[in-house]
Amino acid sequence: MSFVLRDERGREVDVHPVRFDDGGNGHLEGDDRGPYEHPANAFAAAGIIAGRRVACLSAEAQMANHAWGYEPGPTDVHDTALLHERLGTVLVPPFDER
């Protein structure tokens, strides 16, 4: 089950456990819309949290996650805008209409 970590300043990290198959493909257990699957190369990205390098989904895979058939909230709109502005990730529906 996924969960959110939040610090005293309100910064958040959304954590989604992933099961990897023998080919390195990731299977995220979802709610009533999932499971969600990503190819192995979607997990080749890294980010920095508190100065430490951490594995994460690529910006493209994160954008795809936001388009998996749910009504986006303000945080989703904010996150996809940042992916687009900072990394040049192509906006996908419904975010390309905002």
PDB file of N, CA and C in Angstrom:
ATOM      1  N   MET A   1       0.843  -1.171   0.000  1.00  0.00           N
ATOM      2  CA  MET A   1       0.000   0.000   0.000  1.00  0.00           C
ATOM      3  C   MET A   1       0.893   1.240   0.000  1.00  0.00           C
ATOM      4  N   SER A   2       0.528   2.216  -0.771  1.00  0.00           N
ATOM      5  CA  SER A   2       1.308   3.457  -0.846  1.00  0.00           C
ATOM      6  C   SER A   2       1.058   4.323   0.383  1.00  0.00           C
ATOM      7  N   PHE A   3       1.982   5.252   0.625  1.00  0.00           N
ATOM      8  CA  PHE A   3       1.833   6.177   1.750  1.00  0.00           C
ATOM      9  C   PHE A   3       2.607   7.446   1.447  1.00  0.00           C
ATOM     10  N   VAL A   4       2.306   8.490   2.200  1.00  0.00           N
ATOM     11  CA  VAL A   4       2.936   9.789   2.016  1.00  0.00           C
ATOM     12  C   VAL A   4       3.728  10.139   3.270  1.00  0.00           C
ATOM     13  N   LEU A   5       4.977  10.566   3.073  1.00  0.00           N
ATOM     14  CA  LEU A   5       5.798  11.086   4.165  1.00  0.00           C
ATOM     15  C   LEU A   5       5.795  12.603   4.051  1.00  0.00           C
ATOM     16  N   ARG A   6       5.607  13.292   5.174  1.00  0.00           N
ATOM     17  CA  ARG A   6       5.544  14.755   5.170  1.00  0.00           C
ATOM     18  C   ARG A   6       6.415  15.283   6.299  1.00  0.00           C
ATOM     19  N   ASP A   7       7.203  16.327   6.019  1.00  0.00           N
ATOM     20  CA  ASP A   7       8.027  16.919   7.074  1.00  0.00           C
ATOM     21  C   ASP A   7       7.319  18.123   7.678  1.00  0.00           C
ATOM     22  N   GLU A   8       7.982  18.742   8.656  1.00  0.00           N
ATOM     23  CA  GLU A   8       7.387  19.868   9.385  1.00  0.00           C
ATOM     24  C   GLU A   8       7.150  21.095   8.510  1.00  0.00           C
ATOM     25  N   ARG A   9       7.811  21.153   7.351  1.00  0.00           N
ATOM     26  CA  ARG A   9       7.617  22.282   6.425  1.00  0.00           C
ATOM     27  C   ARG A   9       6.537  21.993   5.382  1.00  0.00           C
ATOM     28  N   GLY A  10       5.933  20.809   5.458  1.00  0.00           N
ATOM     29  CA  GLY A  10       4.868  20.456   4.534  1.00  0.00           C
ATOM     30  C   GLY A  10       5.334  19.802   3.248  1.00  0.00           C
ATOM     31  N   ARG A  11       6.638  19.547   3.121  1.00  0.00           N
ATOM     32  CA  ARG A  11       7.143  18.868   1.925  1.00  0.00           C
ATOM     33  C   ARG A  11       6.750  17.397   1.999  1.00  0.00           C
ATOM     34  N   GLU A  12       6.433  16.821   0.857  1.00  0.00           N
ATOM     35  CA  GLU A  12       5.931  15.451   0.827  1.00  0.00           C
ATOM     36  C   GLU A  12       6.710  14.565  -0.136  1.00  0.00           C
ATOM     37  N   VAL A  13       6.769  13.297   0.225  1.00  0.00           N
ATOM     38  CA  VAL A  13       7.280  12.255  -0.657  1.00  0.00           C
ATOM     39  C   VAL A  13       6.210  11.175  -0.691  1.00  0.00           C
ATOM     40  N   ASP A  14       5.748  10.863  -1.886  1.00  0.00           N
ATOM     41  CA  ASP A  14       4.722   9.846  -2.093  1.00  0.00           C
ATOM     42  C   ASP A  14       5.428   8.532  -2.376  1.00  0.00           C
ATOM     43  N   VAL A  15       5.227   7.521  -1.528  1.00  0.00           N
ATOM     44  CA  VAL A  15       5.946   6.252  -1.625  1.00  0.00           C
ATOM     45  C   VAL A  15       4.991   5.165  -2.122  1.00  0.00           C
ATOM     46  N   HIS A  16       5.408   4.497  -3.212  1.00  0.00           N
ATOM     47  CA  HIS A  16       4.619   3.404  -3.788  1.00  0.00           C
ATOM     48  C   HIS A  16       5.483   2.156  -3.856  1.00  0.00           C
ATOM     49  N   PRO A  17       5.193   1.143  -3.046  1.00  0.00           N
ATOM     50  CA  PRO A  17       5.953  -0.105  -3.134  1.00  0.00           C
ATOM     51  C   PRO A  17       5.771  -0.748  -4.515  1.00  0.00           C
ATOM     52  N   VAL A  18       6.843  -1.336  -5.005  1.00  0.00           N
ATOM     53  CA  VAL A  18       6.846  -1.942  -6.331  1.00  0.00           C
ATOM     54  C   VAL A  18       7.365  -3.368  -6.218  1.00  0.00           C
ATOM     55  N   ARG A  19       6.711  -4.293  -6.920  1.00  0.00           N
ATOM     56  CA  ARG A  19       7.202  -5.662  -7.033  1.00  0.00           C
ATOM     57  C   ARG A  19       7.849  -5.782  -8.406  1.00  0.00           C
ATOM     58  N   PHE A  20       9.088  -6.246  -8.449  1.00  0.00           N
ATOM     59  CA  PHE A  20       9.819  -6.391  -9.707  1.00  0.00           C
ATOM     60  C   PHE A  20       9.803  -7.846 -10.148  1.00  0.00           C
ATOM     61  N   ASP A  21       9.591  -8.054 -11.448  1.00  0.00           N
ATOM     62  CA  ASP A  21       9.652  -9.409 -11.993  1.00  0.00           C
ATOM     63  C   ASP A  21      11.086  -9.717 -12.435  1.00  0.00           C
ATOM     64  N   ASP A  22      11.296 -10.893 -12.978  1.00  0.00           N
ATOM     65  CA  ASP A  22      12.646 -11.319 -13.380  1.00  0.00           C
ATOM     66  C   ASP A  22      13.252 -10.442 -14.465  1.00  0.00           C
ATOM     67  N   GLY A  23      12.427  -9.739 -15.246  1.00  0.00           N
ATOM     68  CA  GLY A  23      12.914  -8.859 -16.293  1.00  0.00           C
ATOM     69  C   GLY A  23      13.163  -7.435 -15.825  1.00  0.00           C
ATOM     70  N   GLY A  24      12.942  -7.185 -14.535  1.00  0.00           N
ATOM     71  CA  GLY A  24      13.142  -5.841 -13.998  1.00  0.00           C
ATOM     72  C   GLY A  24      11.954  -4.919 -14.179  1.00  0.00           C
ATOM     73  N   ASN A  25      10.863  -5.431 -14.733  1.00  0.00           N
ATOM     74  CA  ASN A  25       9.659  -4.633 -14.890  1.00  0.00           C
ATOM     75  C   ASN A  25       8.987  -4.464 -13.534  1.00  0.00           C
ATOM     76  N   GLY A  26       8.441  -3.273 -13.298  1.00  0.00           N
ATOM     77  CA  GLY A  26       7.841  -2.977 -12.005  1.00  0.00           C
ATOM     78  C   GLY A  26       6.336  -3.073 -12.040  1.00  0.00           C
ATOM     79  N   HIS A  27       5.780  -3.648 -10.995  1.00  0.00           N
ATOM     80  CA  HIS A  27       4.337  -3.824 -10.858  1.00  0.00           C
ATOM     81  C   HIS A  27       3.913  -3.117  -9.574  1.00  0.00           C
ATOM     82  N   LEU A  28       3.203  -2.007  -9.745  1.00  0.00           N
ATOM     83  CA  LEU A  28       2.721  -1.233  -8.606  1.00  0.00           C
ATOM     84  C   LEU A  28       1.315  -1.708  -8.279  1.00  0.00           C
ATOM     85  N   GLU A  29       1.108  -2.122  -7.054  1.00  0.00           N
ATOM     86  CA  GLU A  29      -0.236  -2.493  -6.657  1.00  0.00           C
ATOM     87  C   GLU A  29      -1.049  -1.227  -6.523  1.00  0.00           C
ATOM     88  N   GLY A  30      -2.189  -1.212  -7.153  1.00  0.00           N
ATOM     89  CA  GLY A  30      -3.014  -0.019  -7.154  1.00  0.00           C
ATOM     90  C   GLY A  30      -4.257  -0.192  -6.321  1.00  0.00           C
ATOM     91  N   ASP A  31      -5.114   0.758  -6.455  1.00  0.00           N
ATOM     92  CA  ASP A  31      -6.406   0.676  -5.809  1.00  0.00           C
ATOM     93  C   ASP A  31      -7.349  -0.045  -6.770  1.00  0.00           C
ATOM     94  N   ASP A  32      -8.558   0.402  -6.892  1.00  0.00           N
ATOM     95  CA  ASP A  32      -9.503  -0.265  -7.781  1.00  0.00           C
ATOM     96  C   ASP A  32      -9.194  -0.031  -9.257  1.00  0.00           C
ATOM     97  N   ARG A  33      -8.169   0.772  -9.585  1.00  0.00           N
ATOM     98  CA  ARG A  33      -7.795   1.034 -10.971  1.00  0.00           C
ATOM     99  C   ARG A  33      -6.591   0.233 -11.425  1.00  0.00           C
ATOM    100  N   GLY A  34      -5.891  -0.419 -10.536  1.00  0.00           N
ATOM    101  CA  GLY A  34      -4.610  -1.016 -10.876  1.00  0.00           C
ATOM    102  C   GLY A  34      -4.657  -2.511 -10.793  1.00  0.00           C
ATOM    103  N   PRO A  35      -3.577  -3.248 -10.953  1.00  0.00           N
ATOM    104  CA  PRO A  35      -2.188  -2.839 -10.793  1.00  0.00           C
ATOM    105  C   PRO A  35      -1.667  -2.079 -12.017  1.00  0.00           C
ATOM    106  N   TYR A  36      -0.595  -1.342 -11.789  1.00  0.00           N
ATOM    107  CA  TYR A  36       0.041  -0.556 -12.822  1.00  0.00           C
ATOM    108  C   TYR A  36       1.404  -1.162 -13.110  1.00  0.00           C
ATOM    109  N   GLU A  37       1.766  -1.148 -14.361  1.00  0.00           N
ATOM    110  CA  GLU A  37       3.035  -1.759 -14.746  1.00  0.00           C
ATOM    111  C   GLU A  37       3.903  -0.754 -15.488  1.00  0.00           C
ATOM    112  N   HIS A  38       5.212  -0.848 -15.228  1.00  0.00           N
ATOM    113  CA  HIS A  38       6.195  -0.022 -15.916  1.00  0.00           C
ATOM    114  C   HIS A  38       7.327  -0.908 -16.395  1.00  0.00           C
ATOM    115  N   PRO A  39       7.854  -0.623 -17.595  1.00  0.00           N
ATOM    116  CA  PRO A  39       9.011  -1.377 -18.067  1.00  0.00           C
ATOM    117  C   PRO A  39      10.234  -1.061 -17.207  1.00  0.00           C
ATOM    118  N   ALA A  40      11.183  -1.940 -17.239  1.00  0.00           N
ATOM    119  CA  ALA A  40      12.386  -1.803 -16.410  1.00  0.00           C
ATOM    120  C   ALA A  40      13.059  -0.450 -16.585  1.00  0.00           C
ATOM    121  N   ASN A  41      13.105   0.083 -17.816  1.00  0.00           N
ATOM    122  CA  ASN A  41      13.814   1.347 -18.039  1.00  0.00           C
ATOM    123  C   ASN A  41      13.133   2.540 -17.367  1.00  0.00           C
ATOM    124  N   ALA A  42      11.881   2.397 -16.946  1.00  0.00           N
ATOM    125  CA  ALA A  42      11.200   3.480 -16.229  1.00  0.00           C
ATOM    126  C   ALA A  42      11.796   3.693 -14.832  1.00  0.00           C
ATOM    127  N   PHE A  43      12.557   2.719 -14.339  1.00  0.00           N
ATOM    128  CA  PHE A  43      13.142   2.805 -13.000  1.00  0.00           C
ATOM    129  C   PHE A  43      14.620   3.173 -13.021  1.00  0.00           C
ATOM    130  N   ALA A  44      15.085   3.687 -14.140  1.00  0.00           N
ATOM    131  CA  ALA A  44      16.500   4.044 -14.277  1.00  0.00           C
ATOM    132  C   ALA A  44      16.804   5.447 -13.748  1.00  0.00           C
ATOM    133  N   ALA A  45      15.787   6.169 -13.312  1.00  0.00           N
ATOM    134  CA  ALA A  45      15.979   7.553 -12.859  1.00  0.00           C
ATOM    135  C   ALA A  45      16.402   7.599 -11.391  1.00  0.00           C
ATOM    136  N   ALA A  46      16.905   8.754 -10.993  1.00  0.00           N
ATOM    137  CA  ALA A  46      17.279   8.976  -9.596  1.00  0.00           C
ATOM    138  C   ALA A  46      16.953  10.411  -9.227  1.00  0.00           C
ATOM    139  N   GLY A  47      16.694  10.611  -7.970  1.00  0.00           N
ATOM    140  CA  GLY A  47      16.444  11.948  -7.444  1.00  0.00           C
ATOM    141  C   GLY A  47      17.283  12.156  -6.204  1.00  0.00           C
ATOM    142  N   ILE A  48      17.129  13.307  -5.597  1.00  0.00           N
ATOM    143  CA  ILE A  48      17.879  13.637  -4.385  1.00  0.00           C
ATOM    144  C   ILE A  48      16.880  14.009  -3.287  1.00  0.00           C
ATOM    145  N   ILE A  49      17.002  13.364  -2.152  1.00  0.00           N
ATOM    146  CA  ILE A  49      16.209  13.684  -0.968  1.00  0.00           C
ATOM    147  C   ILE A  49      17.182  13.901   0.171  1.00  0.00           C
ATOM    148  N   ALA A  50      17.141  15.104   0.748  1.00  0.00           N
ATOM    149  CA  ALA A  50      18.027  15.452   1.865  1.00  0.00           C
ATOM    150  C   ALA A  50      19.486  15.149   1.542  1.00  0.00           C
ATOM    151  N   GLY A  51      19.872  15.434   0.288  1.00  0.00           N
ATOM    152  CA  GLY A  51      21.252  15.242  -0.118  1.00  0.00           C
ATOM    153  C   GLY A  51      21.633  13.814  -0.457  1.00  0.00           C
ATOM    154  N   ARG A  52      20.678  12.901  -0.401  1.00  0.00           N
ATOM    155  CA  ARG A  52      20.954  11.494  -0.705  1.00  0.00           C
ATOM    156  C   ARG A  52      20.305  11.105  -2.020  1.00  0.00           C
ATOM    157  N   ARG A  53      21.044  10.388  -2.820  1.00  0.00           N
ATOM    158  CA  ARG A  53      20.526   9.896  -4.100  1.00  0.00           C
ATOM    159  C   ARG A  53      19.562   8.739  -3.828  1.00  0.00           C
ATOM    160  N   VAL A  54      18.383   8.803  -4.455  1.00  0.00           N
ATOM    161  CA  VAL A  54      17.377   7.750  -4.288  1.00  0.00           C
ATOM    162  C   VAL A  54      16.842   7.342  -5.651  1.00  0.00           C
ATOM    163  N   ALA A  55      16.511   6.084  -5.799  1.00  0.00           N
ATOM    164  CA  ALA A  55      15.917   5.592  -7.041  1.00  0.00           C
ATOM    165  C   ALA A  55      14.480   6.105  -7.148  1.00  0.00           C
ATOM    166  N   CYS A  56      14.062   6.385  -8.368  1.00  0.00           N
ATOM    167  CA  CYS A  56      12.682   6.809  -8.589  1.00  0.00           C
ATOM    168  C   CYS A  56      12.288   6.517 -10.025  1.00  0.00           C
ATOM    169  N   LEU A  57      11.012   6.713 -10.307  1.00  0.00           N
ATOM    170  CA  LEU A  57      10.517   6.570 -11.669  1.00  0.00           C
ATOM    171  C   LEU A  57      11.014   7.716 -12.534  1.00  0.00           C
ATOM    172  N   SER A  58      11.167   7.454 -13.800  1.00  0.00           N
ATOM    173  CA  SER A  58      11.515   8.518 -14.736  1.00  0.00           C
ATOM    174  C   SER A  58      10.397   9.557 -14.764  1.00  0.00           C
ATOM    175  N   ALA A  59      10.725  10.751 -15.230  1.00  0.00           N
ATOM    176  CA  ALA A  59       9.727  11.815 -15.325  1.00  0.00           C
ATOM    177  C   ALA A  59       8.583  11.389 -16.249  1.00  0.00           C
ATOM    178  N   GLU A  60       8.894  10.696 -17.327  1.00  0.00           N
ATOM    179  CA  GLU A  60       7.859  10.234 -18.252  1.00  0.00           C
ATOM    180  C   GLU A  60       6.917   9.234 -17.581  1.00  0.00           C
ATOM    181  N   ALA A  61       7.479   8.317 -16.801  1.00  0.00           N
ATOM    182  CA  ALA A  61       6.639   7.340 -16.103  1.00  0.00           C
ATOM    183  C   ALA A  61       5.795   8.022 -15.028  1.00  0.00           C
ATOM    184  N   GLN A  62       6.364   9.030 -14.363  1.00  0.00           N
ATOM    185  CA  GLN A  62       5.573   9.762 -13.377  1.00  0.00           C
ATOM    186  C   GLN A  62       4.404  10.479 -14.054  1.00  0.00           C
ATOM    187  N   MET A  63       4.649  11.057 -15.223  1.00  0.00           N
ATOM    188  CA  MET A  63       3.575  11.729 -15.956  1.00  0.00           C
ATOM    189  C   MET A  63       2.502  10.704 -16.328  1.00  0.00           C
ATOM    190  N   ALA A  64       2.917   9.536 -16.792  1.00  0.00           N
ATOM    191  CA  ALA A  64       1.956   8.492 -17.150  1.00  0.00           C
ATOM    192  C   ALA A  64       1.126   8.081 -15.940  1.00  0.00           C
ATOM    193  N   ASN A  65       1.758   7.987 -14.765  1.00  0.00           N
ATOM    194  CA  ASN A  65       1.021   7.629 -13.547  1.00  0.00           C
ATOM    195  C   ASN A  65      -0.110   8.610 -13.271  1.00  0.00           C
ATOM    196  N   HIS A  66       0.144   9.891 -13.525  1.00  0.00           N
ATOM    197  CA  HIS A  66      -0.865  10.910 -13.255  1.00  0.00           C
ATOM    198  C   HIS A  66      -2.023  10.845 -14.246  1.00  0.00           C
ATOM    199  N   ALA A  67      -1.883  10.111 -15.315  1.00  0.00           N
ATOM    200  CA  ALA A  67      -2.926  10.034 -16.335  1.00  0.00           C
ATOM    201  C   ALA A  67      -3.702   8.715 -16.273  1.00  0.00           C
ATOM    202  N   TRP A  68      -3.563   7.968 -15.187  1.00  0.00           N
ATOM    203  CA  TRP A  68      -4.195   6.656 -15.093  1.00  0.00           C
ATOM    204  C   TRP A  68      -5.628   6.700 -14.587  1.00  0.00           C
ATOM    205  N   GLY A  69      -6.445   7.493 -15.207  1.00  0.00           N
ATOM    206  CA  GLY A  69      -7.885   7.412 -15.025  1.00  0.00           C
ATOM    207  C   GLY A  69      -8.461   7.811 -13.683  1.00  0.00           C
ATOM    208  N   TYR A  70      -7.978   8.863 -13.090  1.00  0.00           N
ATOM    209  CA  TYR A  70      -8.605   9.376 -11.881  1.00  0.00           C
ATOM    210  C   TYR A  70      -8.749  10.884 -12.015  1.00  0.00           C
ATOM    211  N   GLU A  71      -9.607  11.460 -11.208  1.00  0.00           N
ATOM    212  CA  GLU A  71      -9.816  12.904 -11.241  1.00  0.00           C
ATOM    213  C   GLU A  71      -8.641  13.577 -10.527  1.00  0.00           C
ATOM    214  N   PRO A  72      -7.813  14.332 -11.264  1.00  0.00           N
ATOM    215  CA  PRO A  72      -6.639  14.944 -10.643  1.00  0.00           C
ATOM    216  C   PRO A  72      -7.028  16.052  -9.671  1.00  0.00           C
ATOM    217  N   GLY A  73      -6.275  16.114  -8.587  1.00  0.00           N
ATOM    218  CA  GLY A  73      -6.452  17.185  -7.617  1.00  0.00           C
ATOM    219  C   GLY A  73      -5.403  18.268  -7.823  1.00  0.00           C
ATOM    220  N   PRO A  74      -5.424  19.286  -6.989  1.00  0.00           N
ATOM    221  CA  PRO A  74      -4.463  20.393  -7.120  1.00  0.00           C
ATOM    222  C   PRO A  74      -3.007  19.941  -7.048  1.00  0.00           C
ATOM    223  N   THR A  75      -2.696  18.965  -6.213  1.00  0.00           N
ATOM    224  CA  THR A  75      -1.320  18.472  -6.104  1.00  0.00           C
ATOM    225  C   THR A  75      -0.885  17.811  -7.406  1.00  0.00           C
ATOM    226  N   ASP A  76      -1.789  17.059  -8.032  1.00  0.00           N
ATOM    227  CA  ASP A  76      -1.469  16.401  -9.296  1.00  0.00           C
ATOM    228  C   ASP A  76      -1.181  17.434 -10.388  1.00  0.00           C
ATOM    229  N   VAL A  77      -2.001  18.479 -10.441  1.00  0.00           N
ATOM    230  CA  VAL A  77      -1.798  19.543 -11.432  1.00  0.00           C
ATOM    231  C   VAL A  77      -0.454  20.225 -11.182  1.00  0.00           C
ATOM    232  N   HIS A  78      -0.154  20.506  -9.926  1.00  0.00           N
ATOM    233  CA  HIS A  78       1.122  21.127  -9.557  1.00  0.00           C
ATOM    234  C   HIS A  78       2.297  20.243  -9.956  1.00  0.00           C
ATOM    235  N   ASP A  79       2.221  18.954  -9.603  1.00  0.00           N
ATOM    236  CA  ASP A  79       3.321  18.023  -9.882  1.00  0.00           C
ATOM    237  C   ASP A  79       3.580  17.882 -11.377  1.00  0.00           C
ATOM    238  N   THR A  80       2.524  17.739 -12.172  1.00  0.00           N
ATOM    239  CA  THR A  80       2.730  17.585 -13.610  1.00  0.00           C
ATOM    240  C   THR A  80       3.269  18.865 -14.237  1.00  0.00           C
ATOM    241  N   ALA A  81       2.840  20.005 -13.723  1.00  0.00           N
ATOM    242  CA  ALA A  81       3.380  21.276 -14.229  1.00  0.00           C
ATOM    243  C   ALA A  81       4.876  21.367 -13.949  1.00  0.00           C
ATOM    244  N   LEU A  82       5.310  20.947 -12.764  1.00  0.00           N
ATOM    245  CA  LEU A  82       6.740  20.963 -12.436  1.00  0.00           C
ATOM    246  C   LEU A  82       7.527  20.001 -13.322  1.00  0.00           C
ATOM    247  N   LEU A  83       6.988  18.804 -13.555  1.00  0.00           N
ATOM    248  CA  LEU A  83       7.672  17.861 -14.448  1.00  0.00           C
ATOM    249  C   LEU A  83       7.855  18.481 -15.833  1.00  0.00           C
ATOM    250  N   HIS A  84       6.836  19.166 -16.301  1.00  0.00           N
ATOM    251  CA  HIS A  84       6.886  19.804 -17.610  1.00  0.00           C
ATOM    252  C   HIS A  84       7.872  20.978 -17.626  1.00  0.00           C
ATOM    253  N   GLU A  85       7.752  21.866 -16.642  1.00  0.00           N
ATOM    254  CA  GLU A  85       8.581  23.080 -16.612  1.00  0.00           C
ATOM    255  C   GLU A  85      10.051  22.777 -16.366  1.00  0.00           C
ATOM    256  N   ARG A  86      10.337  21.897 -15.425  1.00  0.00           N
ATOM    257  CA  ARG A  86      11.730  21.659 -15.033  1.00  0.00           C
ATOM    258  C   ARG A  86      12.441  20.621 -15.877  1.00  0.00           C
ATOM    259  N   LEU A  87      11.679  19.631 -16.389  1.00  0.00           N
ATOM    260  CA  LEU A  87      12.322  18.529 -17.092  1.00  0.00           C
ATOM    261  C   LEU A  87      11.874  18.400 -18.543  1.00  0.00           C
ATOM    262  N   GLY A  88      10.925  19.228 -18.960  1.00  0.00           N
ATOM    263  CA  GLY A  88      10.462  19.180 -20.339  1.00  0.00           C
ATOM    264  C   GLY A  88       9.569  18.006 -20.661  1.00  0.00           C
ATOM    265  N   THR A  89       9.037  17.359 -19.649  1.00  0.00           N
ATOM    266  CA  THR A  89       8.158  16.211 -19.858  1.00  0.00           C
ATOM    267  C   THR A  89       6.885  16.663 -20.571  1.00  0.00           C
ATOM    268  N   VAL A  90       6.479  15.922 -21.570  1.00  0.00           N
ATOM    269  CA  VAL A  90       5.279  16.259 -22.334  1.00  0.00           C
ATOM    270  C   VAL A  90       4.047  16.079 -21.454  1.00  0.00           C
ATOM    271  N   LEU A  91       3.198  17.111 -21.417  1.00  0.00           N
ATOM    272  CA  LEU A  91       1.950  17.030 -20.669  1.00  0.00           C
ATOM    273  C   LEU A  91       0.982  16.091 -21.381  1.00  0.00           C
ATOM    274  N   VAL A  92       0.320  15.255 -20.602  1.00  0.00           N
ATOM    275  CA  VAL A  92      -0.651  14.303 -21.141  1.00  0.00           C
ATOM    276  C   VAL A  92      -2.047  14.683 -20.639  1.00  0.00           C
ATOM    277  N   PRO A  93      -3.087  14.224 -21.335  1.00  0.00           N
ATOM    278  CA  PRO A  93      -4.445  14.509 -20.862  1.00  0.00           C
ATOM    279  C   PRO A  93      -4.639  13.947 -19.456  1.00  0.00           C
ATOM    280  N   PRO A  94      -5.318  14.626 -18.594  1.00  0.00           N
ATOM    281  CA  PRO A  94      -6.055  15.871 -18.792  1.00  0.00           C
ATOM    282  C   PRO A  94      -5.219  17.129 -18.509  1.00  0.00           C
ATOM    283  N   PHE A  95      -3.936  16.976 -18.260  1.00  0.00           N
ATOM    284  CA  PHE A  95      -3.096  18.095 -17.858  1.00  0.00           C
ATOM    285  C   PHE A  95      -2.713  19.030 -19.011  1.00  0.00           C
ATOM    286  N   ASP A  96      -2.789  18.539 -20.232  1.00  0.00           N
ATOM    287  CA  ASP A  96      -2.444  19.356 -21.379  1.00  0.00           C
ATOM    288  C   ASP A  96      -3.534  20.371 -21.709  1.00  0.00           C
ATOM    289  N   GLU A  97      -4.662  20.281 -21.057  1.00  0.00           N
ATOM    290  CA  GLU A  97      -5.790  21.177 -21.307  1.00  0.00           C
ATOM    291  C   GLU A  97      -5.847  22.330 -20.310  1.00  0.00           C
ATOM    292  N   ARG A  98      -4.970  22.354 -19.343  1.00  0.00           N
ATOM    293  CA  ARG A  98      -5.058  23.351 -18.258  1.00  0.00           C
ATOM    294  C   ARG A  98      -4.225  24.562 -18.569  1.00  0.00           C
TER     295      ARG A  98
END
